[in-house]
N, C-alpha and C. Protein backbone atom coordinates (compact mmCIF):
# COMPACT_ATOMS: atom_id res chain seq x y z
N MET A 1 13.95 -9.78 -6.65
CA MET A 1 15.19 -8.85 -6.04
C MET A 1 14.10 -7.65 -5.88
N TYR A 2 14.54 -6.85 -5.01
CA TYR A 2 13.91 -5.63 -4.50
C TYR A 2 15.01 -4.41 -4.49
N PRO A 3 14.62 -3.27 -4.36
CA PRO A 3 15.52 -2.18 -4.38
C PRO A 3 16.02 -1.88 -3.30
N PRO A 4 17.07 -1.28 -2.97
CA PRO A 4 17.28 -1.15 -1.74
C PRO A 4 16.28 0.25 -0.66
N SER A 5 16.65 -0.55 0.40
CA SER A 5 15.29 0.46 1.11
C SER A 5 15.28 2.33 1.06
N ALA A 6 16.70 2.50 0.61
CA ALA A 6 16.67 4.27 0.59
C ALA A 6 16.37 4.70 -0.69
N THR A 7 15.70 3.45 -1.71
CA THR A 7 15.36 4.47 -3.01
C THR A 7 13.95 4.56 -2.61
N PHE A 8 13.33 4.08 -1.80
CA PHE A 8 11.76 4.50 -1.67
C PHE A 8 11.53 5.76 -0.92
N ALA A 9 12.94 6.10 0.27
CA ALA A 9 12.64 7.17 0.58
C ALA A 9 12.77 8.30 -0.14
N VAL A 10 14.04 8.31 -0.96
CA VAL A 10 14.25 9.11 -2.11
C VAL A 10 13.18 9.58 -3.02
N ALA A 11 12.42 8.13 -3.71
CA ALA A 11 11.17 8.11 -4.45
C ALA A 11 10.21 8.90 -4.02
N TRP A 12 9.81 8.52 -2.71
CA TRP A 12 8.50 9.04 -2.42
C TRP A 12 8.99 10.68 -1.87
N THR A 13 9.68 10.92 -1.48
CA THR A 13 10.28 12.35 -1.10
C THR A 13 10.06 13.28 -2.53
N THR A 14 10.89 12.79 -3.27
CA THR A 14 10.69 13.42 -4.63
C THR A 14 9.13 13.66 -5.51
N LEU A 15 8.29 12.40 -5.02
CA LEU A 15 7.11 12.67 -5.56
C LEU A 15 6.29 13.52 -4.72
N PHE A 16 6.46 13.79 -3.72
CA PHE A 16 5.89 14.81 -2.80
C PHE A 16 6.19 15.76 -2.83
N THR A 17 7.49 15.96 -3.39
CA THR A 17 7.91 17.46 -3.20
C THR A 17 7.43 18.19 -4.39
N LEU A 18 7.35 16.89 -5.89
CA LEU A 18 6.79 17.58 -7.19
C LEU A 18 5.33 17.82 -7.01
N GLN A 19 4.76 16.91 -6.25
CA GLN A 19 3.20 17.47 -5.92
C GLN A 19 3.30 18.83 -5.43
N GLY A 20 3.82 18.98 -4.40
CA GLY A 20 3.74 20.33 -3.57
C GLY A 20 3.98 21.32 -4.64
N VAL A 21 4.90 21.58 -5.41
CA VAL A 21 5.41 22.54 -6.64
C VAL A 21 3.96 22.61 -7.62
N ALA A 22 3.57 21.33 -8.07
CA ALA A 22 2.68 21.37 -8.91
C ALA A 22 1.64 22.01 -8.53
N VAL A 23 0.83 21.86 -6.97
CA VAL A 23 -0.25 22.27 -6.24
C VAL A 23 0.34 23.88 -6.22
N TRP A 24 1.35 24.25 -5.54
CA TRP A 24 1.65 25.94 -5.65
C TRP A 24 1.16 26.28 -7.00
N LEU A 25 1.85 25.69 -8.06
CA LEU A 25 1.79 26.45 -9.50
C LEU A 25 0.12 26.81 -9.77
N VAL A 26 -0.23 25.97 -9.59
CA VAL A 26 -2.23 26.06 -9.56
C VAL A 26 -2.52 26.55 -8.71
N VAL A 27 -2.11 26.76 -7.31
CA VAL A 27 -3.04 27.68 -6.81
C VAL A 27 -2.48 29.07 -6.89
N ARG A 28 -1.02 29.52 -7.82
CA ARG A 28 -0.97 30.73 -7.86
C ARG A 28 -1.47 31.37 -9.33
N SER A 29 -2.19 30.32 -10.07
CA SER A 29 -2.59 30.45 -11.22
C SER A 29 -3.85 31.46 -11.10
N PRO A 30 -4.50 32.35 -12.10
CA PRO A 30 -5.73 32.95 -12.21
C PRO A 30 -6.81 31.97 -11.92
N PRO A 31 -7.81 32.68 -10.75
CA PRO A 31 -8.97 31.84 -10.25
C PRO A 31 -9.95 31.56 -11.82
N GLY A 32 -10.35 30.34 -11.65
CA GLY A 32 -11.26 30.25 -12.78
C GLY A 32 -11.47 28.54 -12.36
N ARG A 33 -12.67 28.32 -13.83
CA ARG A 33 -12.86 26.80 -13.87
C ARG A 33 -11.91 25.71 -13.95
N ALA A 34 -10.96 25.89 -14.55
CA ALA A 34 -9.68 25.02 -14.83
C ALA A 34 -8.97 25.30 -13.58
N ARG A 35 -8.83 26.25 -12.81
CA ARG A 35 -7.77 25.83 -11.63
C ARG A 35 -8.85 25.42 -10.11
N THR A 36 -10.37 25.46 -10.17
CA THR A 36 -10.89 24.44 -9.26
C THR A 36 -10.73 22.99 -9.77
N ILE A 37 -11.04 23.17 -11.00
CA ILE A 37 -11.24 21.43 -11.48
C ILE A 37 -9.77 20.70 -10.85
N ALA A 38 -8.46 21.67 -11.35
CA ALA A 38 -7.26 21.14 -11.02
C ALA A 38 -7.13 20.88 -9.34
N LEU A 39 -7.63 21.97 -8.51
CA LEU A 39 -7.42 21.95 -7.30
C LEU A 39 -8.49 20.48 -6.60
N ALA A 40 -9.59 20.66 -7.12
CA ALA A 40 -10.47 19.37 -7.08
C ALA A 40 -9.77 17.85 -7.22
N ALA A 41 -9.21 18.00 -8.13
CA ALA A 41 -8.27 16.49 -8.90
C ALA A 41 -7.27 16.36 -8.14
N PHE A 42 -6.59 17.27 -7.40
CA PHE A 42 -5.25 17.27 -6.60
C PHE A 42 -5.54 16.91 -5.43
N VAL A 43 -7.12 17.54 -4.51
CA VAL A 43 -7.21 16.90 -3.16
C VAL A 43 -7.97 15.45 -3.16
N GLY A 44 -8.52 15.11 -4.43
CA GLY A 44 -8.91 13.84 -4.60
C GLY A 44 -8.09 12.83 -4.30
N GLN A 45 -7.28 13.17 -5.38
CA GLN A 45 -6.04 12.13 -5.37
C GLN A 45 -4.85 11.90 -4.35
N PHE A 46 -4.76 13.19 -3.67
CA PHE A 46 -3.99 13.56 -2.51
C PHE A 46 -4.85 12.45 -1.03
N VAL A 47 -6.05 12.36 -1.11
CA VAL A 47 -6.92 12.01 0.02
C VAL A 47 -6.52 10.24 -0.48
N VAL A 48 -6.81 9.65 -1.70
CA VAL A 48 -6.46 8.37 -1.83
C VAL A 48 -5.04 7.73 -1.73
N ASN A 49 -4.37 8.79 -1.88
CA ASN A 49 -2.97 8.64 -1.67
C ASN A 49 -2.40 8.23 -0.43
N LEU A 50 -3.23 9.17 0.78
CA LEU A 50 -2.76 9.32 1.79
C LEU A 50 -3.79 7.87 2.40
N ALA A 51 -4.74 7.71 2.29
CA ALA A 51 -5.59 6.43 2.36
C ALA A 51 -4.75 5.24 1.76
N TRP A 52 -4.20 5.44 1.01
CA TRP A 52 -3.78 3.90 0.60
C TRP A 52 -2.90 2.86 1.31
N THR A 53 -1.58 3.43 2.11
CA THR A 53 -1.18 2.79 2.92
C THR A 53 -1.86 1.83 3.92
N PRO A 54 -2.73 2.69 4.60
CA PRO A 54 -3.33 2.08 5.96
C PRO A 54 -4.09 1.29 5.42
N THR A 55 -4.72 1.39 4.37
CA THR A 55 -5.72 0.69 3.88
C THR A 55 -5.26 -0.94 3.20
N PHE A 56 -4.24 -0.39 2.40
CA PHE A 56 -3.69 -2.09 2.17
C PHE A 56 -3.12 -2.94 3.03
N PHE A 57 -2.27 -2.10 4.03
CA PHE A 57 -1.51 -2.63 4.95
C PHE A 57 -2.70 -3.10 6.13
N GLY A 58 -3.60 -2.57 6.25
CA GLY A 58 -4.91 -3.17 7.23
C GLY A 58 -5.33 -4.22 6.70
N LEU A 59 -5.72 -4.44 5.48
CA LEU A 59 -6.39 -5.49 4.53
C LEU A 59 -5.22 -6.57 4.65
N GLN A 60 -3.72 -6.55 4.28
CA GLN A 60 -3.03 -7.27 4.87
C GLN A 60 -3.06 -8.11 6.40
N ALA A 61 -3.36 -7.32 7.12
CA ALA A 61 -3.28 -8.02 8.63
C ALA A 61 -4.85 -8.76 8.92
N ILE A 62 -5.61 -8.78 8.25
CA ILE A 62 -6.70 -9.77 8.29
C ILE A 62 -6.42 -11.24 7.81
N ARG A 63 -6.99 -12.05 8.84
CA ARG A 63 -6.31 -13.15 8.39
C ARG A 63 -7.68 -13.98 7.61
N PRO A 64 -7.43 -15.07 6.75
CA PRO A 64 -8.96 -15.34 6.11
C PRO A 64 -9.20 -16.41 7.25
N ARG A 65 -10.45 -16.71 6.91
CA ARG A 65 -11.09 -17.57 7.50
C ARG A 65 -11.10 -18.92 7.03
N TRP A 66 -10.70 -19.37 6.10
CA TRP A 66 -10.26 -20.52 5.53
C TRP A 66 -8.95 -20.99 5.61
N PRO A 67 -8.16 -22.10 5.62
CA PRO A 67 -6.85 -22.55 6.02
C PRO A 67 -6.35 -22.13 4.53
N SER A 68 -5.10 -21.79 5.09
CA SER A 68 -3.65 -21.62 3.65
C SER A 68 -3.58 -23.09 2.92
N PRO A 69 -3.81 -22.78 1.50
CA PRO A 69 -3.13 -24.04 1.21
C PRO A 69 -1.74 -24.70 2.10
N GLY A 70 -2.36 -26.17 1.99
CA GLY A 70 -1.04 -27.12 2.72
C GLY A 70 -1.43 -27.31 4.17
N CYS A 71 -1.97 -26.42 4.73
CA CYS A 71 -2.20 -26.47 6.27
C CYS A 71 -2.97 -27.86 6.65
N SER A 72 -3.06 -27.85 7.75
CA SER A 72 -3.62 -28.80 8.46
C SER A 72 -5.18 -29.07 8.57
N SER A 73 -5.99 -29.96 8.18
CA SER A 73 -7.27 -30.00 8.50
C SER A 73 -8.06 -31.10 9.12
N PRO A 74 -9.32 -31.58 9.29
CA PRO A 74 -9.44 -32.54 9.54
C PRO A 74 -9.14 -33.40 8.77
N ARG A 75 -9.49 -33.31 7.32
CA ARG A 75 -9.34 -34.19 6.25
C ARG A 75 -7.97 -34.57 5.73
N SER A 76 -6.65 -33.75 6.01
CA SER A 76 -5.88 -33.73 5.42
C SER A 76 -4.52 -33.37 6.40
N PRO A 77 -3.77 -34.25 6.52
CA PRO A 77 -2.69 -34.21 7.53
C PRO A 77 -1.81 -33.15 7.37
N ARG A 78 -1.11 -32.72 8.15
CA ARG A 78 0.07 -31.38 8.19
C ARG A 78 1.32 -31.84 7.25
N ARG A 79 1.59 -31.49 6.50
CA ARG A 79 2.65 -32.07 5.45
C ARG A 79 3.96 -31.16 6.16
N PRO A 80 5.03 -32.18 6.24
CA PRO A 80 6.30 -31.66 6.60
C PRO A 80 6.75 -30.15 6.54
N SER A 81 6.62 -30.06 4.88
CA SER A 81 6.76 -28.65 4.36
C SER A 81 5.99 -27.58 5.04
N CYS A 82 5.12 -27.58 5.36
CA CYS A 82 4.06 -26.60 6.04
C CYS A 82 4.19 -26.17 7.65
N SER A 83 5.22 -27.06 8.43
CA SER A 83 5.10 -26.64 9.61
C SER A 83 5.83 -25.40 9.81
N VAL A 84 5.94 -24.73 11.01
CA VAL A 84 6.45 -23.52 11.55
C VAL A 84 8.04 -23.90 11.75
N GLU A 85 8.61 -25.33 11.95
CA GLU A 85 10.07 -25.65 12.37
C GLU A 85 10.75 -25.54 10.57
N SER A 86 9.82 -25.92 9.87
CA SER A 86 10.70 -26.30 8.37
C SER A 86 10.64 -24.67 7.86
N THR A 87 9.67 -23.92 7.77
CA THR A 87 9.56 -22.91 7.27
C THR A 87 9.99 -21.48 8.18
N GLY A 88 10.02 -21.60 9.43
CA GLY A 88 10.05 -20.14 10.18
C GLY A 88 9.22 -19.57 9.95
N VAL A 89 8.55 -19.57 9.36
CA VAL A 89 7.30 -18.55 9.74
C VAL A 89 5.93 -19.08 10.28
N PRO A 90 5.51 -18.51 10.99
CA PRO A 90 3.81 -18.78 11.38
C PRO A 90 2.66 -19.28 10.37
N LEU A 91 2.08 -20.08 10.58
CA LEU A 91 1.02 -20.64 9.35
C LEU A 91 -0.39 -19.95 9.96
N SER A 92 -0.93 -19.21 8.76
CA SER A 92 -2.15 -18.97 9.08
C SER A 92 -3.30 -19.45 8.89
N CYS A 93 -3.14 -20.46 9.71
CA CYS A 93 -4.19 -21.59 9.84
C CYS A 93 -5.54 -21.64 10.99
C-alpha cells in the first residue's frame, strides 16, 4: 500500500521549505565557529540529498549481468510463470 502521489509533493515541498528557513536562520546568526560548522553540515547534506535521486534511479536502471531468478538459461527451461505474456513485464534475462 502506497500513499497518494500528492503526498510526496507536499512532503518534499515542506522539507525543502523548512531547510531553507533553517539555513536562513543560521546565515543570520553571528559569525563564528558554530555558524561555519552548521553551514558546512548543511551544504554537505544538501549535496548528498540532491545526488541521491539520480544515483538511486541510475543504479536501478543498470541491468544485472546474471539472469533473474526463474529466467531461462541453457540448463533450465523457461517456466510459464516467467514469461512476458503471463506477467506483462519484460524480463531482465
